[in-house]
Protein backbone atom coordinates (compact mmCIF):
# COMPACT_ATOMS: atom_id res chain seq x y z
CA MET A 1 142.35 30.23 13.64
CA ARG A 2 144.35 31.96 10.21
CA GLY A 3 144.51 35.06 12.27
CA ILE A 4 145.88 33.45 15.05
CA LEU A 5 148.61 31.62 13.24
CA HIS A 6 149.72 34.88 11.47
CA ALA A 7 150.13 36.73 14.43
CA LEU A 8 152.08 34.07 15.87
CA VAL A 9 154.38 33.81 12.90
CA ARG A 10 154.87 37.49 13.18
CA ALA A 11 155.86 37.36 16.94
CA CYS A 12 158.57 34.40 15.98
CA ALA A 13 159.72 36.74 13.49
CA ARG A 14 160.35 39.52 16.19
CA VAL A 15 161.71 36.98 18.26
CA ALA A 16 164.11 35.84 15.48
CA ALA A 17 165.12 39.44 14.65
CA VAL A 18 166.02 40.26 18.27
CA GLY A 19 168.03 37.04 18.70
CA GLN A 20 169.94 38.27 15.39
CA ARG A 21 170.72 41.51 16.83
CA THR A 22 171.90 40.28 20.09
CA ASN A 23 174.00 37.64 18.28
CA ARG A 24 175.66 40.38 16.43
CA GLY A 25 176.49 42.34 19.47
CA ARG A 26 177.96 39.19 21.06
CA ASP A 27 179.81 38.44 18.13
CA ARG A 28 180.90 42.21 18.25
CA LYS A 29 182.21 42.04 21.81
CA GLY A 30 183.33 38.33 21.13
CA ALA A 31 185.45 39.43 18.15
CA THR A 32 187.14 42.49 20.40
CA ARG A 33 188.26 40.13 22.96
CA GLY A 34 189.48 37.72 20.75
CA ALA A 35 186.69 34.93 21.38
CA PRO A 36 186.70 31.91 18.68
CA ALA A 37 184.67 32.30 16.21
CA ALA A 38 182.53 29.07 16.63
CA GLN A 39 181.82 30.09 20.33
CA THR A 40 180.32 33.35 19.48
CA ALA A 41 178.67 32.07 16.18
CA ARG A 42 176.49 29.44 18.37
CA SER A 43 175.76 32.23 21.45
CA GLY A 44 172.06 33.73 21.04
CA GLY A 45 170.66 30.66 19.57
CA PHE A 46 167.83 30.38 22.29
CA PRO A 47 165.23 32.25 20.09
CA PHE A 48 165.92 30.00 17.10
CA LEU A 49 165.47 27.31 19.63
CA LEU A 50 162.24 28.44 20.92
CA ILE A 51 160.99 28.97 17.21
CA ALA A 52 162.09 25.37 16.45
CA ALA A 53 159.95 23.89 19.09
CA LEU A 54 156.97 26.58 18.58
CA VAL A 55 156.17 26.29 15.04
CA PRO A 56 155.23 22.56 14.86
CA LEU A 57 153.74 22.99 18.36
CA LEU A 58 151.36 25.74 16.79
CA LEU A 59 150.84 23.95 13.55
CA PHE A 60 149.89 20.66 14.70
CA TRP A 61 147.58 22.27 17.80
CA HIS A 62 144.43 21.67 15.87
CA THR A 63 145.17 17.99 16.32
CA THR A 64 144.23 17.97 19.97
CA GLY A 65 140.62 18.22 18.92
CA PHE A 66 141.02 14.89 17.07
CA GLY A 67 139.33 11.55 18.50
CA PHE A 68 140.39 8.28 18.87
CA LEU A 69 141.08 6.13 15.79
CA LEU A 70 141.22 1.97 15.70
CA ASP A 71 143.93 0.87 18.14
CA ASP A 72 143.74 4.53 20.13
CA TYR A 73 140.88 3.06 22.16
CA VAL A 74 142.38 0.09 23.47
CA LEU A 75 145.95 1.61 23.78
CA PHE A 76 144.59 4.65 25.87
CA GLN A 77 141.11 4.37 27.04
CA LYS A 78 139.36 1.14 27.58
CA SER A 79 142.06 -1.39 28.82
CA ALA A 80 141.83 -2.58 32.26
CA SER A 81 145.70 -2.76 32.46
CA LEU A 82 145.38 1.44 31.97
CA GLN A 83 143.84 1.51 35.60
CA ASP A 84 146.14 -0.90 37.32
CA LEU A 85 149.89 -0.05 38.03
CA SER A 86 150.25 -3.77 38.66
CA SER A 87 150.45 -4.30 35.16
CA LEU A 88 153.62 -2.21 34.65
CA PRO A 89 155.91 -5.09 35.08
CA ASN A 90 153.72 -7.04 32.74
CA GLY A 91 154.49 -4.87 29.86
CA PHE A 92 158.19 -6.39 29.93
CA ALA A 93 156.98 -9.79 29.74
CA THR A 94 154.48 -9.57 27.12
CA ASP A 95 153.78 -7.98 23.67
CA VAL A 96 151.39 -4.52 23.53
CA GLY A 97 148.34 -6.46 22.35
CA ALA A 98 148.55 -9.05 24.88
CA LEU A 99 148.71 -6.35 27.93
CA ARG A 100 146.39 -4.22 26.67
CA LYS A 101 143.72 -6.39 25.61
CA GLY A 102 144.01 -8.77 28.84
CA SER A 103 145.59 -12.01 26.98
CA GLU A 104 147.43 -14.43 28.77
CA THR A 105 149.01 -15.44 25.74
CA VAL A 106 151.23 -13.59 23.36
CA LEU A 107 149.02 -11.79 20.34
CA GLY A 108 151.77 -10.33 18.47
CA SER A 109 155.57 -9.33 17.63
CA TYR A 110 155.14 -5.71 19.35
CA TYR A 111 157.61 -5.48 22.28
CA ARG A 112 157.30 -2.01 23.47
CA PRO A 113 157.39 -2.00 27.55
CA VAL A 114 158.60 1.65 27.86
CA PHE A 115 155.61 2.69 25.68
CA LEU A 116 153.30 0.51 27.65
CA ALA A 117 154.87 1.80 31.16
CA LEU A 118 154.91 5.50 30.05
CA SER A 119 150.95 5.26 28.74
CA THR A 120 149.95 3.45 31.75
CA LEU A 121 151.30 6.29 34.35
CA TYR A 122 150.29 9.09 32.03
CA TYR A 123 146.59 7.39 32.06
CA GLN A 124 146.71 7.62 35.82
CA GLU A 125 147.20 11.21 35.62
CA VAL A 126 144.95 12.21 32.60
CA GLY A 127 142.34 9.30 32.38
CA GLY A 128 141.34 8.50 28.64
CA GLN A 129 140.18 11.59 27.03
CA PRO A 130 141.57 12.01 23.48
CA PHE A 131 142.55 15.69 24.05
CA ALA A 132 145.16 14.48 26.84
CA TRP A 133 147.02 12.05 24.21
CA HIS A 134 146.98 14.00 21.41
CA LEU A 135 148.22 16.98 23.66
CA ALA A 136 150.98 14.66 24.60
CA ALA A 137 151.80 13.97 20.76
CA VAL A 138 151.80 17.83 19.80
CA ALA A 139 154.03 18.39 22.93
CA LEU A 140 156.55 15.79 22.13
CA THR A 141 156.68 16.97 18.36
CA GLY A 142 157.86 20.39 19.72
CA ALA A 143 160.52 18.83 21.89
CA ILE A 144 161.55 16.96 18.79
CA GLY A 145 161.92 19.76 16.80
CA ALA A 146 163.94 21.61 19.62
CA LEU A 147 166.00 18.64 19.82
CA ALA A 148 166.50 18.55 16.08
CA TYR A 149 167.60 22.23 15.94
CA VAL A 150 170.48 21.36 18.37
CA LEU A 151 171.54 18.07 16.73
CA PHE A 152 172.05 20.52 13.51
CA GLN A 153 173.77 23.00 15.81
CA ARG A 154 176.45 20.25 16.83
CA LEU A 155 176.68 19.29 13.41
CA GLY A 156 178.15 22.71 12.78
CA PHE A 157 175.28 24.34 10.93
CA PRO A 158 174.64 27.84 11.68
CA PRO A 159 171.82 28.79 13.73
CA LEU A 160 169.48 30.16 10.82
CA LEU A 161 170.42 27.05 8.79
CA SER A 162 169.67 24.67 11.68
CA LEU A 163 166.30 26.25 12.18
CA LEU A 164 165.37 25.47 8.69
CA ALA A 165 166.67 22.06 8.69
CA ALA A 166 164.72 21.28 12.03
CA LEU A 167 161.44 22.73 10.71
CA VAL A 168 161.76 20.92 7.53
CA PHE A 169 162.59 17.74 9.49
CA SER A 170 159.39 18.50 12.11
CA LEU A 171 156.89 19.43 9.29
CA HIS A 172 157.68 16.83 6.65
CA PRO A 173 154.72 15.29 5.48
CA ALA A 174 155.78 11.67 6.49
CA HIS A 175 155.56 12.79 10.09
CA VAL A 176 152.05 13.96 10.12
CA SER A 177 150.32 10.66 10.85
CA SER A 178 152.80 10.00 13.75
CA VAL A 179 151.12 13.56 15.48
CA ALA A 180 147.51 13.16 14.41
CA TRP A 181 146.97 9.80 15.26
CA ALA A 182 147.53 9.16 19.20
CA ALA A 183 148.81 5.91 18.22
CA GLY A 184 151.64 7.60 16.89
CA LEU A 185 153.33 8.57 20.17
CA GLN A 186 155.31 5.23 20.13
CA GLU A 187 157.01 6.68 17.12
CA LEU A 188 157.36 10.17 18.56
CA LEU A 189 159.19 8.37 21.97
CA ALA A 190 161.59 6.64 19.49
CA ALA A 191 162.33 9.94 18.00
CA PHE A 192 162.88 11.75 21.11
CA PHE A 193 164.97 9.44 22.63
CA LEU A 194 167.50 8.52 19.54
CA LEU A 195 168.18 12.20 19.12
CA VAL A 196 168.97 12.40 23.12
CA ALA A 197 171.21 9.31 22.20
CA LEU A 198 172.77 11.07 19.25
CA LEU A 199 173.31 14.62 20.93
CA ALA A 200 174.97 12.64 23.77
CA LEU A 201 177.57 11.48 21.25
CA LEU A 202 178.13 14.90 19.55
CA ARG A 203 178.65 16.60 22.74
CA ARG A 204 182.74 16.36 22.45
CA PRO A 205 182.82 15.82 26.16
CA GLY A 206 186.44 15.05 25.80
CA PRO A 207 188.14 11.71 26.84
CA GLU A 208 186.97 11.78 30.60
CA GLY A 209 183.78 12.44 29.69
CA ASP A 210 183.47 9.67 27.28
CA ARG A 211 182.03 7.48 29.49
CA ARG A 212 179.20 9.54 30.38
CA ALA A 213 178.25 10.30 26.91
CA ILE A 214 178.33 6.95 26.17
CA ALA A 215 176.24 5.61 29.04
CA ILE A 216 173.59 8.35 28.40
CA ALA A 217 173.38 7.26 24.71
CA THR A 218 173.05 3.77 25.46
CA ILE A 219 170.14 4.48 28.10
CA ALA A 220 168.71 6.64 25.56
CA PHE A 221 168.88 3.78 22.84
CA VAL A 222 167.62 1.58 25.44
CA LEU A 223 164.67 3.54 25.70
CA ALA A 224 163.97 4.39 22.41
CA LEU A 225 164.08 0.58 21.40
CA LEU A 226 161.75 -0.26 23.96
CA SER A 227 159.21 2.09 22.90
CA LYS A 228 159.62 1.12 19.18
CA GLU A 229 161.42 -1.65 17.72
CA VAL A 230 162.34 0.81 14.79
CA ALA A 231 165.16 2.53 16.69
CA VAL A 232 167.49 -0.46 15.80
CA GLY A 233 168.31 1.68 13.18
CA LEU A 234 170.55 3.66 15.08
CA LEU A 235 172.88 0.79 15.32
CA PRO A 236 174.13 0.70 11.92
CA LEU A 237 173.66 4.37 11.76
CA ALA A 238 176.62 4.45 14.74
CA GLY A 239 178.85 2.21 12.66
CA VAL A 240 178.61 4.08 9.34
CA TRP A 241 179.35 7.44 11.30
CA ALA A 242 182.33 6.21 13.41
CA PHE A 243 183.94 4.93 10.26
CA ALA A 244 183.11 7.83 8.19
CA ARG A 245 184.56 10.45 10.88
CA ARG A 246 187.69 8.28 11.94
CA GLY A 247 189.67 10.48 10.12
CA THR A 248 188.16 13.89 10.48
CA ALA A 249 187.12 13.43 14.02
CA PRO A 250 188.67 10.86 15.87
CA ASP A 251 187.18 11.56 19.18
CA GLU A 252 183.58 11.70 18.17
CA SER A 253 184.35 8.55 15.73
CA ARG A 254 185.68 6.61 19.16
CA ARG A 255 182.44 7.59 20.77
CA PHE A 256 180.47 6.15 18.37
CA GLY A 257 182.28 3.12 17.94
CA LYS A 258 182.14 2.29 21.49
CA ALA A 259 178.45 3.00 21.55
């Protein structure tokens, strides 16, 4: 396993080197043609985007061999609601525990209908084997790593620094349990949708595209909030961001304020 990881790291390094050479070539062409520095600085970033997704995916791949733990059994394997698509609307009318345990009364305060709906649909395709659920967690982790790289790029960081920041975010020890524990899919879904919302607001679409950006961000935020309630933290963040950027980036501040 260690030898495989070393080989994959070397392959990623080669991809990065190719990307840097391509980027330099494009930069020289862009400079000759008078292209803006910001545009040339961001060209050729795909290899870094790929690395940002592959590194967490590869490092967490061994978790696909883990079994279920605690709530995983009722969430992803034993609940009768997983086998019945008619349970999907019920997930919007009750909490996680009540739906998965077949209770007619509310059992807790965890209102996560998007997570319930997606997990039920996923169960219909893959069943209740632990490998499939851990695979979903690892795949989401890779996607989140890629989105984190794009986020740092949108914030103006150069490609290499964006990659390093994305890897620190993806591989931070605080995030390990969300990947290794199948029930952590709730956190991963919320993180994925929150990053989509932030990227929509940071897209710089111009006045005519503000409505689309805000609509995408709103939909993504609602999906995150209905995956896990911790996503509510985006609201104060958006308010602080709008206030902090009102002088330096008024268009961006306006989008965050409206969202």
